[in-house]
Amino acid sequence: MHDFKLVLAYHTQGQEIYWQFQNFNPPNSLEIGQSLAEASGYILAETPYNSSFAGYKDWFIQNYNRPGYTIEAGIGENPLPISQFDEIYNDNIGILILSAIL
C-alpha cells in the first residue's frame, strides 16, 4: 500500500489549479496550492461546483483528508495543439518537482 502525501490530477483547459473539494480543507492544502501556482504561473482557484463530485482529486481529499489538486494545463480547444507542449511542460515542471519533495 502507498502512503501518498498529495495527489495531482491533470486536465486541459484554463491554466488554473483547483485545490479544494466542498468544505474539505486538508492541512496545508491552500499553502501548497499557492506554491504550485507560483511555480507554474497558473491561477489557484476554487473548484467550480459543477466540476466537483466526479474527480479523483475530490475522492482523494474526501477519503484521506490530504491535499489534492486538479491542474488545468494549457488553454484553447481540445485536443490542445502540440505547439503548446513546450509551454505546458515549462509551466508544469515546477509543480511536479515541488510535489515530489513535499
PDB file of N, CA and C in Angstrom:
ATOM      1  N   MET A   1       0.845  -1.183   0.000  1.00  0.00           N
ATOM      2  CA  MET A   1       0.000   0.000   0.000  1.00  0.00           C
ATOM      3  C   MET A   1       0.886   1.242   0.000  1.00  0.00           C
ATOM      4  N   HIS A   2       0.452   2.255  -0.702  1.00  0.00           N
ATOM      5  CA  HIS A   2       1.190   3.514  -0.784  1.00  0.00           C
ATOM      6  C   HIS A   2       0.612   4.525   0.210  1.00  0.00           C
ATOM      7  N   ASP A   3       1.454   5.405   0.672  1.00  0.00           N
ATOM      8  CA  ASP A   3       1.055   6.440   1.618  1.00  0.00           C
ATOM      9  C   ASP A   3       1.268   7.806   0.959  1.00  0.00           C
ATOM     10  N   PHE A   4       0.451   8.101  -0.052  1.00  0.00           N
ATOM     11  CA  PHE A   4       0.620   9.330  -0.814  1.00  0.00           C
ATOM     12  C   PHE A   4       0.337  10.559   0.045  1.00  0.00           C
ATOM     13  N   LYS A   5       1.185  11.561  -0.063  1.00  0.00           N
ATOM     14  CA  LYS A   5       1.038  12.806   0.704  1.00  0.00           C
ATOM     15  C   LYS A   5       0.056  13.766   0.032  1.00  0.00           C
ATOM     16  N   LEU A   6      -0.012  13.692  -1.307  1.00  0.00           N
ATOM     17  CA  LEU A   6      -0.931  14.520  -2.071  1.00  0.00           C
ATOM     18  C   LEU A   6      -1.153  13.861  -3.419  1.00  0.00           C
ATOM     19  N   VAL A   7      -2.117  14.396  -4.163  1.00  0.00           N
ATOM     20  CA  VAL A   7      -2.406  13.855  -5.488  1.00  0.00           C
ATOM     21  C   VAL A   7      -2.546  15.001  -6.481  1.00  0.00           C
ATOM     22  N   LEU A   8      -2.102  14.755  -7.711  1.00  0.00           N
ATOM     23  CA  LEU A   8      -2.277  15.681  -8.821  1.00  0.00           C
ATOM     24  C   LEU A   8      -3.099  14.979  -9.892  1.00  0.00           C
ATOM     25  N   ALA A   9      -4.127  15.636 -10.372  1.00  0.00           N
ATOM     26  CA  ALA A   9      -4.928  15.126 -11.485  1.00  0.00           C
ATOM     27  C   ALA A   9      -4.802  16.141 -12.615  1.00  0.00           C
ATOM     28  N   TYR A  10      -4.344  15.693 -13.754  1.00  0.00           N
ATOM     29  CA  TYR A  10      -4.139  16.610 -14.880  1.00  0.00           C
ATOM     30  C   TYR A  10      -5.314  16.585 -15.843  1.00  0.00           C
ATOM     31  N   HIS A  11      -5.757  17.782 -16.191  1.00  0.00           N
ATOM     32  CA  HIS A  11      -6.776  18.011 -17.215  1.00  0.00           C
ATOM     33  C   HIS A  11      -6.221  19.102 -18.134  1.00  0.00           C
ATOM     34  N   THR A  12      -6.957  19.420 -19.173  1.00  0.00           N
ATOM     35  CA  THR A  12      -6.566  20.541 -20.021  1.00  0.00           C
ATOM     36  C   THR A  12      -7.709  21.541 -20.098  1.00  0.00           C
ATOM     37  N   GLN A  13      -7.362  22.767 -20.053  1.00  0.00           N
ATOM     38  CA  GLN A  13      -8.212  23.944 -20.226  1.00  0.00           C
ATOM     39  C   GLN A  13      -8.147  24.890 -19.054  1.00  0.00           C
ATOM     40  N   GLY A  14      -7.507  25.992 -19.217  1.00  0.00           N
ATOM     41  CA  GLY A  14      -7.673  27.071 -18.279  1.00  0.00           C
ATOM     42  C   GLY A  14      -6.469  27.612 -17.540  1.00  0.00           C
ATOM     43  N   GLN A  15      -5.374  26.871 -17.490  1.00  0.00           N
ATOM     44  CA  GLN A  15      -4.201  27.322 -16.741  1.00  0.00           C
ATOM     45  C   GLN A  15      -4.579  27.713 -15.311  1.00  0.00           C
ATOM     46  N   GLU A  16      -5.316  26.810 -14.671  1.00  0.00           N
ATOM     47  CA  GLU A  16      -5.743  27.000 -13.292  1.00  0.00           C
ATOM     48  C   GLU A  16      -5.410  25.753 -12.483  1.00  0.00           C
ATOM     49  N   ILE A  17      -5.393  25.936 -11.174  1.00  0.00           N
ATOM     50  CA  ILE A  17      -5.209  24.830 -10.242  1.00  0.00           C
ATOM     51  C   ILE A  17      -6.387  24.851  -9.278  1.00  0.00           C
ATOM     52  N   TYR A  18      -7.164  23.762  -9.272  1.00  0.00           N
ATOM     53  CA  TYR A  18      -8.262  23.618  -8.318  1.00  0.00           C
ATOM     54  C   TYR A  18      -7.741  22.858  -7.115  1.00  0.00           C
ATOM     55  N   TRP A  19      -8.053  23.368  -5.929  1.00  0.00           N
ATOM     56  CA  TRP A  19      -7.382  22.838  -4.744  1.00  0.00           C
ATOM     57  C   TRP A  19      -8.286  22.265  -3.666  1.00  0.00           C
ATOM     58  N   GLN A  20      -9.574  22.541  -3.645  1.00  0.00           N
ATOM     59  CA  GLN A  20     -10.389  22.050  -2.536  1.00  0.00           C
ATOM     60  C   GLN A  20     -11.573  21.269  -3.069  1.00  0.00           C
ATOM     61  N   PHE A  21     -12.255  20.598  -2.173  1.00  0.00           N
ATOM     62  CA  PHE A  21     -13.471  19.865  -2.510  1.00  0.00           C
ATOM     63  C   PHE A  21     -14.505  20.161  -1.444  1.00  0.00           C
ATOM     64  N   GLN A  22     -15.604  20.765  -1.841  1.00  0.00           N
ATOM     65  CA  GLN A  22     -16.679  21.160  -0.939  1.00  0.00           C
ATOM     66  C   GLN A  22     -16.101  21.863   0.284  1.00  0.00           C
ATOM     67  N   ASN A  23     -16.423  21.377   1.489  1.00  0.00           N
ATOM     68  CA  ASN A  23     -15.924  22.004   2.712  1.00  0.00           C
ATOM     69  C   ASN A  23     -14.672  21.331   3.248  1.00  0.00           C
ATOM     70  N   PHE A  24     -14.117  20.408   2.499  1.00  0.00           N
ATOM     71  CA  PHE A  24     -12.896  19.733   2.932  1.00  0.00           C
ATOM     72  C   PHE A  24     -11.707  20.644   2.664  1.00  0.00           C
ATOM     73  N   ASN A  25     -10.901  20.841   3.667  1.00  0.00           N
ATOM     74  CA  ASN A  25      -9.725  21.692   3.560  1.00  0.00           C
ATOM     75  C   ASN A  25      -8.590  21.000   4.314  1.00  0.00           C
ATOM     76  N   PRO A  26      -7.946  20.014   3.684  1.00  0.00           N
ATOM     77  CA  PRO A  26      -6.870  19.289   4.367  1.00  0.00           C
ATOM     78  C   PRO A  26      -5.755  20.235   4.821  1.00  0.00           C
ATOM     79  N   PRO A  27      -5.043  19.854   5.874  1.00  0.00           N
ATOM     80  CA  PRO A  27      -3.956  20.682   6.383  1.00  0.00           C
ATOM     81  C   PRO A  27      -2.956  21.056   5.284  1.00  0.00           C
ATOM     82  N   ASN A  28      -2.599  22.320   5.247  1.00  0.00           N
ATOM     83  CA  ASN A  28      -1.600  22.886   4.332  1.00  0.00           C
ATOM     84  C   ASN A  28      -2.006  22.879   2.865  1.00  0.00           C
ATOM     85  N   SER A  29      -3.226  22.509   2.545  1.00  0.00           N
ATOM     86  CA  SER A  29      -3.605  22.419   1.137  1.00  0.00           C
ATOM     87  C   SER A  29      -3.603  23.773   0.439  1.00  0.00           C
ATOM     88  N   LEU A  30      -4.056  24.810   1.107  1.00  0.00           N
ATOM     89  CA  LEU A  30      -4.043  26.137   0.500  1.00  0.00           C
ATOM     90  C   LEU A  30      -2.611  26.608   0.288  1.00  0.00           C
ATOM     91  N   GLU A  31      -1.772  26.451   1.286  1.00  0.00           N
ATOM     92  CA  GLU A  31      -0.378  26.911   1.185  1.00  0.00           C
ATOM     93  C   GLU A  31       0.382  26.142   0.091  1.00  0.00           C
ATOM     94  N   ILE A  32       0.174  24.845   0.017  1.00  0.00           N
ATOM     95  CA  ILE A  32       0.822  24.061  -1.046  1.00  0.00           C
ATOM     96  C   ILE A  32       0.296  24.518  -2.407  1.00  0.00           C
ATOM     97  N   GLY A  33      -1.009  24.707  -2.507  1.00  0.00           N
ATOM     98  CA  GLY A  33      -1.604  25.186  -3.756  1.00  0.00           C
ATOM     99  C   GLY A  33      -1.029  26.522  -4.191  1.00  0.00           C
ATOM    100  N   GLN A  34      -0.817  27.412  -3.231  1.00  0.00           N
ATOM    101  CA  GLN A  34      -0.223  28.712  -3.561  1.00  0.00           C
ATOM    102  C   GLN A  34       1.201  28.539  -4.100  1.00  0.00           C
ATOM    103  N   SER A  35       1.950  27.612  -3.521  1.00  0.00           N
ATOM    104  CA  SER A  35       3.307  27.337  -4.008  1.00  0.00           C
ATOM    105  C   SER A  35       3.276  26.752  -5.416  1.00  0.00           C
ATOM    106  N   LEU A  36       2.341  25.857  -5.681  1.00  0.00           N
ATOM    107  CA  LEU A  36       2.220  25.277  -7.017  1.00  0.00           C
ATOM    108  C   LEU A  36       1.825  26.335  -8.042  1.00  0.00           C
ATOM    109  N   ALA A  37       0.931  27.229  -7.652  1.00  0.00           N
ATOM    110  CA  ALA A  37       0.511  28.312  -8.543  1.00  0.00           C
ATOM    111  C   ALA A  37       1.682  29.241  -8.846  1.00  0.00           C
ATOM    112  N   GLU A  38       2.440  29.552  -7.825  1.00  0.00           N
ATOM    113  CA  GLU A  38       3.607  30.424  -8.016  1.00  0.00           C
ATOM    114  C   GLU A  38       4.636  29.771  -8.938  1.00  0.00           C
ATOM    115  N   ALA A  39       4.849  28.478  -8.772  1.00  0.00           N
ATOM    116  CA  ALA A  39       5.837  27.774  -9.594  1.00  0.00           C
ATOM    117  C   ALA A  39       5.407  27.677 -11.050  1.00  0.00           C
ATOM    118  N   SER A  40       4.114  27.653 -11.303  1.00  0.00           N
ATOM    119  CA  SER A  40       3.614  27.442 -12.658  1.00  0.00           C
ATOM    120  C   SER A  40       3.150  28.710 -13.359  1.00  0.00           C
ATOM    121  N   GLY A  41       2.778  29.710 -12.586  1.00  0.00           N
ATOM    122  CA  GLY A  41       2.163  30.892 -13.181  1.00  0.00           C
ATOM    123  C   GLY A  41       0.668  30.709 -13.388  1.00  0.00           C
ATOM    124  N   TYR A  42       0.121  29.563 -12.976  1.00  0.00           N
ATOM    125  CA  TYR A  42      -1.306  29.314 -13.087  1.00  0.00           C
ATOM    126  C   TYR A  42      -2.028  29.976 -11.918  1.00  0.00           C
ATOM    127  N   ILE A  43      -3.324  30.137 -12.062  1.00  0.00           N
ATOM    128  CA  ILE A  43      -4.162  30.739 -11.030  1.00  0.00           C
ATOM    129  C   ILE A  43      -4.635  29.645 -10.080  1.00  0.00           C
ATOM    130  N   LEU A  44      -4.523  29.874  -8.784  1.00  0.00           N
ATOM    131  CA  LEU A  44      -5.098  28.972  -7.793  1.00  0.00           C
ATOM    132  C   LEU A  44      -6.557  29.369  -7.636  1.00  0.00           C
ATOM    133  N   ALA A  45      -7.466  28.433  -7.928  1.00  0.00           N
ATOM    134  CA  ALA A  45      -8.886  28.759  -7.953  1.00  0.00           C
ATOM    135  C   ALA A  45      -9.687  27.743  -7.149  1.00  0.00           C
ATOM    136  N   GLU A  46     -10.835  28.194  -6.674  1.00  0.00           N
ATOM    137  CA  GLU A  46     -11.752  27.269  -6.020  1.00  0.00           C
ATOM    138  C   GLU A  46     -12.376  26.383  -7.085  1.00  0.00           C
ATOM    139  N   THR A  47     -12.603  25.136  -6.729  1.00  0.00           N
ATOM    140  CA  THR A  47     -13.205  24.202  -7.669  1.00  0.00           C
ATOM    141  C   THR A  47     -14.634  24.626  -7.965  1.00  0.00           C
ATOM    142  N   PRO A  48     -14.967  24.834  -9.245  1.00  0.00           N
ATOM    143  CA  PRO A  48     -16.353  25.182  -9.574  1.00  0.00           C
ATOM    144  C   PRO A  48     -17.295  24.061  -9.133  1.00  0.00           C
ATOM    145  N   TYR A  49     -18.457  24.433  -8.633  1.00  0.00           N
ATOM    146  CA  TYR A  49     -19.401  23.450  -8.112  1.00  0.00           C
ATOM    147  C   TYR A  49     -19.724  22.377  -9.150  1.00  0.00           C
ATOM    148  N   ASN A  50     -19.925  22.798 -10.403  1.00  0.00           N
ATOM    149  CA  ASN A  50     -20.299  21.836 -11.437  1.00  0.00           C
ATOM    150  C   ASN A  50     -19.138  20.928 -11.837  1.00  0.00           C
ATOM    151  N   SER A  51     -17.943  21.184 -11.338  1.00  0.00           N
ATOM    152  CA  SER A  51     -16.791  20.326 -11.618  1.00  0.00           C
ATOM    153  C   SER A  51     -16.494  19.366 -10.468  1.00  0.00           C
ATOM    154  N   SER A  52     -17.209  19.515  -9.370  1.00  0.00           N
ATOM    155  CA  SER A  52     -16.989  18.642  -8.212  1.00  0.00           C
ATOM    156  C   SER A  52     -17.722  17.321  -8.386  1.00  0.00           C
ATOM    157  N   PHE A  53     -17.438  16.414  -7.497  1.00  0.00           N
ATOM    158  CA  PHE A  53     -18.139  15.136  -7.368  1.00  0.00           C
ATOM    159  C   PHE A  53     -17.734  14.086  -8.393  1.00  0.00           C
ATOM    160  N   ALA A  54     -16.864  14.400  -9.303  1.00  0.00           N
ATOM    161  CA  ALA A  54     -16.576  13.419 -10.341  1.00  0.00           C
ATOM    162  C   ALA A  54     -15.090  13.145 -10.499  1.00  0.00           C
ATOM    163  N   GLY A  55     -14.272  13.772  -9.676  1.00  0.00           N
ATOM    164  CA  GLY A  55     -12.850  13.673  -9.919  1.00  0.00           C
ATOM    165  C   GLY A  55     -12.079  12.866  -8.896  1.00  0.00           C
ATOM    166  N   TYR A  56     -10.960  12.390  -9.348  1.00  0.00           N
ATOM    167  CA  TYR A  56     -10.042  11.642  -8.494  1.00  0.00           C
ATOM    168  C   TYR A  56      -9.574  12.503  -7.332  1.00  0.00           C
ATOM    169  N   LYS A  57      -9.251  13.772  -7.604  1.00  0.00           N
ATOM    170  CA  LYS A  57      -8.814  14.698  -6.562  1.00  0.00           C
ATOM    171  C   LYS A  57      -9.861  14.783  -5.454  1.00  0.00           C
ATOM    172  N   ASP A  58     -11.121  14.904  -5.831  1.00  0.00           N
ATOM    173  CA  ASP A  58     -12.202  15.038  -4.850  1.00  0.00           C
ATOM    174  C   ASP A  58     -12.301  13.790  -3.974  1.00  0.00           C
ATOM    175  N   TRP A  59     -12.235  12.633  -4.602  1.00  0.00           N
ATOM    176  CA  TRP A  59     -12.280  11.374  -3.866  1.00  0.00           C
ATOM    177  C   TRP A  59     -11.105  11.276  -2.888  1.00  0.00           C
ATOM    178  N   PHE A  60      -9.912  11.640  -3.348  1.00  0.00           N
ATOM    179  CA  PHE A  60      -8.717  11.561  -2.515  1.00  0.00           C
ATOM    180  C   PHE A  60      -8.826  12.484  -1.308  1.00  0.00           C
ATOM    181  N   ILE A  61      -9.232  13.725  -1.540  1.00  0.00           N
ATOM    182  CA  ILE A  61      -9.386  14.688  -0.441  1.00  0.00           C
ATOM    183  C   ILE A  61     -10.404  14.175   0.572  1.00  0.00           C
ATOM    184  N   GLN A  62     -11.545  13.728   0.094  1.00  0.00           N
ATOM    185  CA  GLN A  62     -12.613  13.281   0.984  1.00  0.00           C
ATOM    186  C   GLN A  62     -12.218  12.039   1.779  1.00  0.00           C
ATOM    187  N   ASN A  63     -11.542  11.103   1.163  1.00  0.00           N
ATOM    188  CA  ASN A  63     -11.243   9.835   1.819  1.00  0.00           C
ATOM    189  C   ASN A  63      -9.968   9.841   2.649  1.00  0.00           C
ATOM    190  N   TYR A  64      -9.011  10.695   2.310  1.00  0.00           N
ATOM    191  CA  TYR A  64      -7.724  10.684   3.006  1.00  0.00           C
ATOM    192  C   TYR A  64      -7.414  11.974   3.766  1.00  0.00           C
ATOM    193  N   ASN A  65      -8.235  13.011   3.583  1.00  0.00           N
ATOM    194  CA  ASN A  65      -8.003  14.311   4.209  1.00  0.00           C
ATOM    195  C   ASN A  65      -6.580  14.798   3.973  1.00  0.00           C
ATOM    196  N   ARG A  66      -6.158  14.649   2.735  1.00  0.00           N
ATOM    197  CA  ARG A  66      -4.844  15.133   2.298  1.00  0.00           C
ATOM    198  C   ARG A  66      -5.034  15.999   1.063  1.00  0.00           C
ATOM    199  N   PRO A  67      -4.066  16.872   0.783  1.00  0.00           N
ATOM    200  CA  PRO A  67      -4.214  17.788  -0.351  1.00  0.00           C
ATOM    201  C   PRO A  67      -4.332  17.070  -1.698  1.00  0.00           C
ATOM    202  N   GLY A  68      -5.174  17.624  -2.535  1.00  0.00           N
ATOM    203  CA  GLY A  68      -5.337  17.145  -3.898  1.00  0.00           C
ATOM    204  C   GLY A  68      -5.551  18.323  -4.821  1.00  0.00           C
ATOM    205  N   TYR A  69      -5.050  18.216  -6.032  1.00  0.00           N
ATOM    206  CA  TYR A  69      -5.098  19.339  -6.973  1.00  0.00           C
ATOM    207  C   TYR A  69      -5.448  18.842  -8.364  1.00  0.00           C
ATOM    208  N   THR A  70      -6.328  19.579  -9.025  1.00  0.00           N
ATOM    209  CA  THR A  70      -6.563  19.364 -10.447  1.00  0.00           C
ATOM    210  C   THR A  70      -5.817  20.469 -11.168  1.00  0.00           C
ATOM    211  N   ILE A  71      -4.889  20.072 -12.000  1.00  0.00           N
ATOM    212  CA  ILE A  71      -4.100  21.022 -12.778  1.00  0.00           C
ATOM    213  C   ILE A  71      -4.741  21.125 -14.156  1.00  0.00           C
ATOM    214  N   GLU A  72      -5.248  22.293 -14.482  1.00  0.00           N
ATOM    215  CA  GLU A  72      -5.823  22.544 -15.804  1.00  0.00           C
ATOM    216  C   GLU A  72      -4.731  23.169 -16.674  1.00  0.00           C
ATOM    217  N   ALA A  73      -4.028  22.316 -17.377  1.00  0.00           N
ATOM    218  CA  ALA A  73      -2.878  22.750 -18.177  1.00  0.00           C
ATOM    219  C   ALA A  73      -3.328  23.216 -19.565  1.00  0.00           C
ATOM    220  N   GLY A  74      -2.665  24.235 -20.051  1.00  0.00           N
ATOM    221  CA  GLY A  74      -2.946  24.711 -21.402  1.00  0.00           C
ATOM    222  C   GLY A  74      -4.234  25.494 -21.492  1.00  0.00           C
ATOM    223  N   ILE A  75      -4.480  25.962 -22.696  1.00  0.00           N
ATOM    224  CA  ILE A  75      -5.684  26.755 -22.942  1.00  0.00           C
ATOM    225  C   ILE A  75      -6.000  26.679 -24.432  1.00  0.00           C
ATOM    226  N   GLY A  76      -7.268  26.633 -24.741  1.00  0.00           N
ATOM    227  CA  GLY A  76      -7.678  26.564 -26.136  1.00  0.00           C
ATOM    228  C   GLY A  76      -8.659  25.445 -26.366  1.00  0.00           C
ATOM    229  N   GLU A  77      -8.709  24.984 -27.584  1.00  0.00           N
ATOM    230  CA  GLU A  77      -9.656  23.952 -27.980  1.00  0.00           C
ATOM    231  C   GLU A  77      -9.024  22.575 -27.860  1.00  0.00           C
ATOM    232  N   ASN A  78      -9.772  21.629 -27.291  1.00  0.00           N
ATOM    233  CA  ASN A  78      -9.265  20.263 -27.156  1.00  0.00           C
ATOM    234  C   ASN A  78      -9.491  19.483 -28.439  1.00  0.00           C
ATOM    235  N   PRO A  79      -8.572  18.636 -28.795  1.00  0.00           N
ATOM    236  CA  PRO A  79      -7.298  18.430 -28.108  1.00  0.00           C
ATOM    237  C   PRO A  79      -6.376  19.619 -28.333  1.00  0.00           C
ATOM    238  N   LEU A  80      -5.599  19.929 -27.305  1.00  0.00           N
ATOM    239  CA  LEU A  80      -4.678  21.049 -27.417  1.00  0.00           C
ATOM    240  C   LEU A  80      -3.649  20.760 -28.497  1.00  0.00           C
ATOM    241  N   PRO A  81      -3.228  21.779 -29.202  1.00  0.00           N
ATOM    242  CA  PRO A  81      -2.234  21.564 -30.261  1.00  0.00           C
ATOM    243  C   PRO A  81      -0.863  21.241 -29.678  1.00  0.00           C
ATOM    244  N   ILE A  82      -0.119  20.420 -30.370  1.00  0.00           N
ATOM    245  CA  ILE A  82       1.229  20.040 -29.947  1.00  0.00           C
ATOM    246  C   ILE A  82       2.127  21.271 -29.816  1.00  0.00           C
ATOM    247  N   SER A  83       1.789  22.337 -30.479  1.00  0.00           N
ATOM    248  CA  SER A  83       2.583  23.566 -30.391  1.00  0.00           C
ATOM    249  C   SER A  83       2.594  24.129 -28.968  1.00  0.00           C
ATOM    250  N   GLN A  84       1.662  23.710 -28.093  1.00  0.00           N
ATOM    251  CA  GLN A  84       1.636  24.169 -26.703  1.00  0.00           C
ATOM    252  C   GLN A  84       2.493  23.306 -25.783  1.00  0.00           C
ATOM    253  N   PHE A  85       3.033  22.227 -26.301  1.00  0.00           N
ATOM    254  CA  PHE A  85       3.746  21.282 -25.440  1.00  0.00           C
ATOM    255  C   PHE A  85       4.856  21.939 -24.633  1.00  0.00           C
ATOM    256  N   ASP A  86       5.733  22.672 -25.282  1.00  0.00           N
ATOM    257  CA  ASP A  86       6.866  23.266 -24.566  1.00  0.00           C
ATOM    258  C   ASP A  86       6.403  24.219 -23.465  1.00  0.00           C
ATOM    259  N   GLU A  87       5.400  25.022 -23.755  1.00  0.00           N
ATOM    260  CA  GLU A  87       4.886  25.959 -22.752  1.00  0.00           C
ATOM    261  C   GLU A  87       4.271  25.206 -21.575  1.00  0.00           C
ATOM    262  N   ILE A  88       3.463  24.193 -21.858  1.00  0.00           N
ATOM    263  CA  ILE A  88       2.836  23.411 -20.790  1.00  0.00           C
ATOM    264  C   ILE A  88       3.897  22.701 -19.962  1.00  0.00           C
ATOM    265  N   TYR A  89       4.878  22.122 -20.621  1.00  0.00           N
ATOM    266  CA  TYR A  89       5.961  21.445 -19.914  1.00  0.00           C
ATOM    267  C   TYR A  89       6.684  22.422 -18.988  1.00  0.00           C
ATOM    268  N   ASN A  90       7.051  23.570 -19.521  1.00  0.00           N
ATOM    269  CA  ASN A  90       7.772  24.567 -18.714  1.00  0.00           C
ATOM    270  C   ASN A  90       6.925  25.089 -17.564  1.00  0.00           C
ATOM    271  N   ASP A  91       5.644  25.255 -17.777  1.00  0.00           N
ATOM    272  CA  ASP A  91       4.750  25.714 -16.708  1.00  0.00           C
ATOM    273  C   ASP A  91       4.621  24.673 -15.603  1.00  0.00           C
ATOM    274  N   ASN A  92       4.679  23.398 -15.961  1.00  0.00           N
ATOM    275  CA  ASN A  92       4.346  22.335 -15.022  1.00  0.00           C
ATOM    276  C   ASN A  92       5.525  21.614 -14.394  1.00  0.00           C
ATOM    277  N   ILE A  93       6.717  21.785 -14.883  1.00  0.00           N
ATOM    278  CA  ILE A  93       7.866  21.083 -14.304  1.00  0.00           C
ATOM    279  C   ILE A  93       8.055  21.480 -12.834  1.00  0.00           C
ATOM    280  N   GLY A  94       7.825  22.735 -12.506  1.00  0.00           N
ATOM    281  CA  GLY A  94       7.930  23.179 -11.113  1.00  0.00           C
ATOM    282  C   GLY A  94       6.886  22.525 -10.218  1.00  0.00           C
ATOM    283  N   ILE A  95       5.677  22.344 -10.734  1.00  0.00           N
ATOM    284  CA  ILE A  95       4.624  21.664  -9.973  1.00  0.00           C
ATOM    285  C   ILE A  95       5.059  20.238  -9.658  1.00  0.00           C
ATOM    286  N   LEU A  96       5.581  19.555 -10.648  1.00  0.00           N
ATOM    287  CA  LEU A  96       5.979  18.160 -10.459  1.00  0.00           C
ATOM    288  C   LEU A  96       7.138  18.025  -9.478  1.00  0.00           C
ATOM    289  N   ILE A  97       8.106  18.909  -9.582  1.00  0.00           N
ATOM    290  CA  ILE A  97       9.251  18.862  -8.666  1.00  0.00           C
ATOM    291  C   ILE A  97       8.811  19.177  -7.241  1.00  0.00           C
ATOM    292  N   LEU A  98       8.056  20.254  -7.061  1.00  0.00           N
ATOM    293  CA  LEU A  98       7.583  20.606  -5.707  1.00  0.00           C
ATOM    294  C   LEU A  98       6.748  19.483  -5.095  1.00  0.00           C
ATOM    295  N   SER A  99       5.869  18.908  -5.883  1.00  0.00           N
ATOM    296  CA  SER A  99       5.009  17.845  -5.378  1.00  0.00           C
ATOM    297  C   SER A  99       5.797  16.623  -4.956  1.00  0.00           C
ATOM    298  N   ALA A 100       6.882  16.365  -5.649  1.00  0.00           N
ATOM    299  CA  ALA A 100       7.700  15.188  -5.337  1.00  0.00           C
ATOM    300  C   ALA A 100       8.487  15.362  -4.041  1.00  0.00           C
ATOM    301  N   ILE A 101       8.815  16.597  -3.677  1.00  0.00           N
ATOM    302  CA  ILE A 101       9.645  16.810  -2.494  1.00  0.00           C
ATOM    303  C   ILE A 101       8.852  17.171  -1.242  1.00  0.00           C
ATOM    304  N   LEU A 102       7.551  17.371  -1.393  1.00  0.00           N
ATOM    305  CA  LEU A 102       6.737  17.736  -0.218  1.00  0.00           C
ATOM    306  C   LEU A 102       6.478  16.544   0.668  1.00  0.00           C
TER     307      LEU A 102
END
